[in-house]
Amino acid sequence: MNRIDHPAAFGSVAWLDATEGGRVSGPPTATVYAATCEFTTQEGQRESEPSAERLSILLQPAVPGDWSATRVGFLAEQLARPKLQVGVVVLVLEGPRTVGILRITEVVD
């Protein structure tokens, strides 16, 4: 995939470094990065037991390498849509590890 043509939302991603359990190679360099994710509660905690409800997420920085303005898509958008709100925090996962933290800044209707 080269582009997220119809994003569900926009957000800002903070990538965890290797010492925090994040990616050893640093932030992704692919045009569109695919991973799994979990939505969090208002307190920033996981909504449910790990792996109870993980969704496939697509992320694309507006400018390559600048994750402060990121296009956000989902493979099953209908499952993510009810949870999408400005300010929501989404954990970006690679397997069981949290590698990034996405904060939703805009929801697209």
N, C-alpha and C. Protein backbone atom coordinates (compact mmCIF):
# COMPACT_ATOMS: atom_id res chain seq x y z
N MET A 1 0.85 -1.17 0.00
CA MET A 1 0.00 0.00 0.00
C MET A 1 0.90 1.24 0.00
N ASN A 2 0.59 2.17 -0.88
CA ASN A 2 1.40 3.37 -1.01
C ASN A 2 0.83 4.60 -0.31
N ARG A 3 -0.47 4.54 0.02
CA ARG A 3 -1.12 5.73 0.57
C ARG A 3 -2.44 5.35 1.23
N ILE A 4 -2.78 6.06 2.30
CA ILE A 4 -4.09 5.92 2.91
C ILE A 4 -4.95 7.01 2.28
N ASP A 5 -5.77 6.63 1.31
CA ASP A 5 -6.56 7.60 0.55
C ASP A 5 -7.71 8.20 1.35
N HIS A 6 -8.33 7.40 2.20
CA HIS A 6 -9.49 7.86 2.97
C HIS A 6 -9.26 7.55 4.45
N PRO A 7 -8.47 8.40 5.13
CA PRO A 7 -8.19 8.13 6.54
C PRO A 7 -9.45 8.24 7.40
N ALA A 8 -9.48 7.43 8.45
CA ALA A 8 -10.57 7.51 9.43
C ALA A 8 -10.29 8.62 10.41
N ALA A 9 -9.00 8.95 10.58
CA ALA A 9 -8.61 9.96 11.56
C ALA A 9 -7.21 10.46 11.24
N PHE A 10 -6.81 11.46 12.01
CA PHE A 10 -5.44 11.97 11.99
C PHE A 10 -4.95 11.95 13.43
N GLY A 11 -3.65 11.82 13.60
CA GLY A 11 -3.11 11.80 14.94
C GLY A 11 -1.63 12.06 14.97
N SER A 12 -1.08 11.93 16.15
CA SER A 12 0.35 12.12 16.38
C SER A 12 0.88 10.88 17.06
N VAL A 13 1.98 10.34 16.54
CA VAL A 13 2.56 9.10 17.09
C VAL A 13 3.87 9.41 17.80
N ALA A 14 3.99 8.92 19.01
CA ALA A 14 5.26 8.94 19.75
C ALA A 14 5.79 7.51 19.74
N TRP A 15 6.92 7.29 19.12
CA TRP A 15 7.52 5.96 19.04
C TRP A 15 8.39 5.72 20.26
N LEU A 16 8.24 4.55 20.88
CA LEU A 16 9.08 4.18 22.01
C LEU A 16 10.43 3.74 21.49
N ASP A 17 11.49 4.07 22.22
CA ASP A 17 12.80 3.59 21.80
C ASP A 17 13.05 2.21 22.38
N ALA A 18 14.17 1.61 22.02
CA ALA A 18 14.46 0.23 22.42
C ALA A 18 14.52 0.07 23.93
N THR A 19 14.99 1.09 24.64
CA THR A 19 15.08 0.98 26.10
C THR A 19 13.72 0.99 26.76
N GLU A 20 12.71 1.47 26.05
CA GLU A 20 11.33 1.50 26.56
C GLU A 20 10.52 0.30 26.07
N GLY A 21 11.17 -0.60 25.35
CA GLY A 21 10.50 -1.78 24.82
C GLY A 21 10.03 -1.59 23.39
N GLY A 22 10.37 -0.46 22.77
CA GLY A 22 9.95 -0.17 21.40
C GLY A 22 10.83 -0.82 20.36
N ARG A 23 10.75 -0.28 19.17
CA ARG A 23 11.47 -0.83 18.02
C ARG A 23 12.97 -0.57 18.14
N VAL A 24 13.77 -1.61 17.96
CA VAL A 24 15.23 -1.48 17.99
C VAL A 24 15.70 -0.62 16.82
N SER A 25 15.03 -0.75 15.69
CA SER A 25 15.43 -0.03 14.47
C SER A 25 14.88 1.39 14.41
N GLY A 26 14.15 1.82 15.42
CA GLY A 26 13.59 3.16 15.42
C GLY A 26 12.25 3.21 14.71
N PRO A 27 11.71 4.41 14.52
CA PRO A 27 10.41 4.55 13.86
C PRO A 27 10.40 3.90 12.48
N PRO A 28 9.25 3.42 12.04
CA PRO A 28 9.16 2.77 10.73
C PRO A 28 9.51 3.74 9.60
N THR A 29 10.02 3.19 8.52
CA THR A 29 10.37 4.01 7.36
C THR A 29 9.50 3.70 6.15
N ALA A 30 8.60 2.74 6.26
CA ALA A 30 7.69 2.40 5.16
C ALA A 30 6.74 3.56 4.90
N THR A 31 6.29 3.69 3.67
CA THR A 31 5.34 4.74 3.33
C THR A 31 4.08 4.61 4.16
N VAL A 32 3.55 3.40 4.25
CA VAL A 32 2.40 3.09 5.11
C VAL A 32 2.82 1.94 6.01
N TYR A 33 2.68 2.15 7.30
CA TYR A 33 3.07 1.17 8.30
C TYR A 33 1.82 0.46 8.79
N ALA A 34 1.85 -0.87 8.81
CA ALA A 34 0.72 -1.68 9.29
C ALA A 34 1.12 -2.38 10.57
N ALA A 35 0.22 -2.37 11.54
CA ALA A 35 0.47 -3.01 12.82
C ALA A 35 -0.88 -3.39 13.43
N THR A 36 -0.84 -3.84 14.67
CA THR A 36 -2.07 -4.03 15.43
C THR A 36 -2.13 -2.93 16.48
N CYS A 37 -3.31 -2.76 17.06
CA CYS A 37 -3.45 -1.70 18.05
C CYS A 37 -4.51 -2.07 19.07
N GLU A 38 -4.47 -1.36 20.20
CA GLU A 38 -5.49 -1.45 21.24
C GLU A 38 -5.86 -0.04 21.65
N PHE A 39 -7.13 0.21 21.82
CA PHE A 39 -7.59 1.49 22.34
C PHE A 39 -7.42 1.49 23.85
N THR A 40 -7.23 2.67 24.43
CA THR A 40 -7.06 2.77 25.87
C THR A 40 -8.25 3.50 26.50
N THR A 41 -8.31 3.44 27.80
CA THR A 41 -9.32 4.20 28.54
C THR A 41 -8.86 5.64 28.66
N GLN A 42 -9.67 6.50 29.21
CA GLN A 42 -9.31 7.90 29.41
C GLN A 42 -8.06 8.03 30.29
N GLU A 43 -7.82 7.06 31.15
CA GLU A 43 -6.65 7.10 32.04
C GLU A 43 -5.40 6.57 31.35
N GLY A 44 -5.51 6.16 30.09
CA GLY A 44 -4.37 5.66 29.36
C GLY A 44 -4.08 4.18 29.58
N GLN A 45 -5.00 3.47 30.24
CA GLN A 45 -4.84 2.04 30.48
C GLN A 45 -5.52 1.26 29.36
N ARG A 46 -5.07 0.05 29.12
CA ARG A 46 -5.72 -0.81 28.13
C ARG A 46 -7.18 -0.96 28.50
N GLU A 47 -8.06 -0.97 27.47
CA GLU A 47 -9.50 -1.10 27.70
C GLU A 47 -9.88 -2.46 28.26
N SER A 48 -9.14 -3.47 27.87
CA SER A 48 -9.53 -4.83 28.24
C SER A 48 -8.29 -5.68 28.42
N GLU A 49 -8.49 -6.94 28.64
CA GLU A 49 -7.36 -7.86 28.78
C GLU A 49 -6.54 -7.83 27.49
N PRO A 50 -5.21 -7.97 27.61
CA PRO A 50 -4.39 -8.00 26.39
C PRO A 50 -4.93 -9.01 25.39
N SER A 51 -4.91 -8.61 24.14
CA SER A 51 -5.34 -9.40 22.98
C SER A 51 -6.84 -9.62 22.92
N ALA A 52 -7.62 -9.04 23.84
CA ALA A 52 -9.07 -9.23 23.81
C ALA A 52 -9.68 -8.59 22.57
N GLU A 53 -9.24 -7.38 22.24
CA GLU A 53 -9.76 -6.72 21.05
C GLU A 53 -8.66 -5.89 20.41
N ARG A 54 -7.93 -6.52 19.54
CA ARG A 54 -6.89 -5.84 18.78
C ARG A 54 -7.38 -5.65 17.36
N LEU A 55 -7.07 -4.49 16.82
CA LEU A 55 -7.45 -4.18 15.44
C LEU A 55 -6.20 -3.94 14.61
N SER A 56 -6.32 -4.14 13.32
CA SER A 56 -5.23 -3.82 12.40
C SER A 56 -5.31 -2.35 12.05
N ILE A 57 -4.19 -1.66 12.21
CA ILE A 57 -4.13 -0.21 11.99
C ILE A 57 -3.12 0.09 10.89
N LEU A 58 -3.38 1.15 10.14
CA LEU A 58 -2.48 1.65 9.10
C LEU A 58 -2.11 3.07 9.46
N LEU A 59 -0.82 3.39 9.40
CA LEU A 59 -0.34 4.73 9.73
C LEU A 59 0.52 5.26 8.61
N GLN A 60 0.32 6.53 8.27
CA GLN A 60 1.12 7.16 7.22
C GLN A 60 1.44 8.59 7.65
N PRO A 61 2.73 8.90 7.83
CA PRO A 61 3.07 10.27 8.19
C PRO A 61 2.78 11.21 7.02
N ALA A 62 2.26 12.41 7.33
CA ALA A 62 1.96 13.39 6.27
C ALA A 62 3.23 13.77 5.53
N VAL A 63 4.31 13.88 6.26
CA VAL A 63 5.64 14.13 5.70
C VAL A 63 6.51 12.96 6.12
N PRO A 64 7.21 12.30 5.19
CA PRO A 64 8.01 11.14 5.58
C PRO A 64 8.91 11.44 6.78
N GLY A 65 8.82 10.57 7.79
CA GLY A 65 9.64 10.71 8.98
C GLY A 65 9.06 11.63 10.05
N ASP A 66 8.00 12.37 9.74
CA ASP A 66 7.39 13.28 10.73
C ASP A 66 6.05 12.70 11.15
N TRP A 67 6.05 12.04 12.29
CA TRP A 67 4.86 11.34 12.77
C TRP A 67 3.93 12.23 13.57
N SER A 68 4.19 13.55 13.61
CA SER A 68 3.32 14.46 14.37
C SER A 68 2.01 14.72 13.66
N ALA A 69 1.96 14.47 12.37
CA ALA A 69 0.72 14.58 11.59
C ALA A 69 0.58 13.30 10.78
N THR A 70 -0.16 12.36 11.33
CA THR A 70 -0.23 11.02 10.76
C THR A 70 -1.65 10.69 10.31
N ARG A 71 -1.76 10.17 9.09
CA ARG A 71 -3.03 9.66 8.58
C ARG A 71 -3.26 8.29 9.22
N VAL A 72 -4.47 8.03 9.67
CA VAL A 72 -4.79 6.79 10.39
C VAL A 72 -5.91 6.05 9.67
N GLY A 73 -5.67 4.79 9.37
CA GLY A 73 -6.70 3.94 8.77
C GLY A 73 -6.77 2.62 9.51
N PHE A 74 -7.82 1.88 9.25
CA PHE A 74 -8.02 0.57 9.89
C PHE A 74 -8.49 -0.41 8.83
N LEU A 75 -8.08 -1.67 8.93
CA LEU A 75 -8.56 -2.68 8.00
C LEU A 75 -10.03 -2.96 8.25
N ALA A 76 -10.47 -2.88 9.49
CA ALA A 76 -11.89 -3.06 9.85
C ALA A 76 -12.37 -1.76 10.48
N GLU A 77 -12.50 -0.73 9.65
CA GLU A 77 -12.85 0.59 10.16
C GLU A 77 -14.15 0.60 10.94
N GLN A 78 -15.11 -0.23 10.55
CA GLN A 78 -16.39 -0.24 11.24
C GLN A 78 -16.25 -0.65 12.70
N LEU A 79 -15.22 -1.42 13.04
CA LEU A 79 -14.99 -1.80 14.44
C LEU A 79 -14.28 -0.69 15.22
N ALA A 80 -13.47 0.08 14.54
CA ALA A 80 -12.73 1.17 15.20
C ALA A 80 -13.57 2.43 15.33
N ARG A 81 -14.44 2.68 14.38
CA ARG A 81 -15.19 3.94 14.32
C ARG A 81 -15.87 4.33 15.64
N PRO A 82 -16.55 3.43 16.35
CA PRO A 82 -17.22 3.84 17.59
C PRO A 82 -16.25 4.32 18.68
N LYS A 83 -14.99 3.94 18.60
CA LYS A 83 -14.00 4.30 19.62
C LYS A 83 -13.22 5.56 19.25
N LEU A 84 -13.34 6.01 18.01
CA LEU A 84 -12.55 7.15 17.55
C LEU A 84 -13.13 8.46 18.06
N GLN A 85 -12.35 9.16 18.85
CA GLN A 85 -12.70 10.48 19.36
C GLN A 85 -11.41 11.28 19.48
N VAL A 86 -11.50 12.58 19.35
CA VAL A 86 -10.33 13.43 19.56
C VAL A 86 -9.83 13.22 20.98
N GLY A 87 -8.53 13.03 21.11
CA GLY A 87 -7.91 12.83 22.42
C GLY A 87 -7.72 11.38 22.82
N VAL A 88 -8.36 10.46 22.12
CA VAL A 88 -8.22 9.04 22.44
C VAL A 88 -6.77 8.62 22.19
N VAL A 89 -6.28 7.75 23.06
CA VAL A 89 -4.94 7.21 22.93
C VAL A 89 -5.03 5.76 22.46
N VAL A 90 -4.23 5.44 21.45
CA VAL A 90 -4.21 4.10 20.86
C VAL A 90 -2.79 3.55 21.00
N LEU A 91 -2.67 2.35 21.53
CA LEU A 91 -1.36 1.70 21.64
C LEU A 91 -1.06 0.99 20.33
N VAL A 92 0.07 1.29 19.73
CA VAL A 92 0.51 0.65 18.49
C VAL A 92 1.39 -0.53 18.91
N LEU A 93 1.04 -1.71 18.41
CA LEU A 93 1.68 -2.94 18.87
C LEU A 93 2.40 -3.68 17.75
N GLU A 94 3.49 -4.33 18.13
CA GLU A 94 4.13 -5.34 17.28
C GLU A 94 4.15 -6.59 18.14
N GLY A 95 3.29 -7.54 17.81
CA GLY A 95 3.09 -8.69 18.69
C GLY A 95 2.53 -8.18 19.99
N PRO A 96 3.07 -8.63 21.13
CA PRO A 96 2.55 -8.19 22.42
C PRO A 96 3.14 -6.86 22.90
N ARG A 97 4.17 -6.36 22.19
CA ARG A 97 4.89 -5.17 22.66
C ARG A 97 4.27 -3.88 22.14
N THR A 98 4.17 -2.91 23.03
CA THR A 98 3.77 -1.57 22.63
C THR A 98 5.00 -0.88 22.06
N VAL A 99 4.91 -0.43 20.81
CA VAL A 99 6.06 0.22 20.17
C VAL A 99 5.79 1.70 19.90
N GLY A 100 4.53 2.11 19.97
CA GLY A 100 4.19 3.51 19.74
C GLY A 100 2.89 3.87 20.43
N ILE A 101 2.74 5.17 20.64
CA ILE A 101 1.52 5.68 21.27
C ILE A 101 0.94 6.74 20.35
N LEU A 102 -0.27 6.50 19.87
CA LEU A 102 -0.97 7.38 18.94
C LEU A 102 -2.04 8.16 19.69
N ARG A 103 -2.03 9.47 19.55
CA ARG A 103 -3.10 10.30 20.10
C ARG A 103 -3.90 10.85 18.93
N ILE A 104 -5.20 10.60 18.93
CA ILE A 104 -6.08 11.05 17.85
C ILE A 104 -6.31 12.56 17.99
N THR A 105 -6.05 13.30 16.90
CA THR A 105 -6.22 14.75 16.91
C THR A 105 -7.41 15.22 16.08
N GLU A 106 -7.88 14.34 15.17
CA GLU A 106 -9.02 14.69 14.32
C GLU A 106 -9.67 13.41 13.84
N VAL A 107 -10.98 13.37 13.85
CA VAL A 107 -11.74 12.23 13.33
C VAL A 107 -12.40 12.68 12.04
N VAL A 108 -12.28 11.88 10.99
CA VAL A 108 -12.85 12.18 9.68
C VAL A 108 -14.20 11.50 9.57
N ASP A 109 -15.23 12.26 9.19
CA ASP A 109 -16.58 11.68 9.02
C ASP A 109 -16.70 10.91 7.73
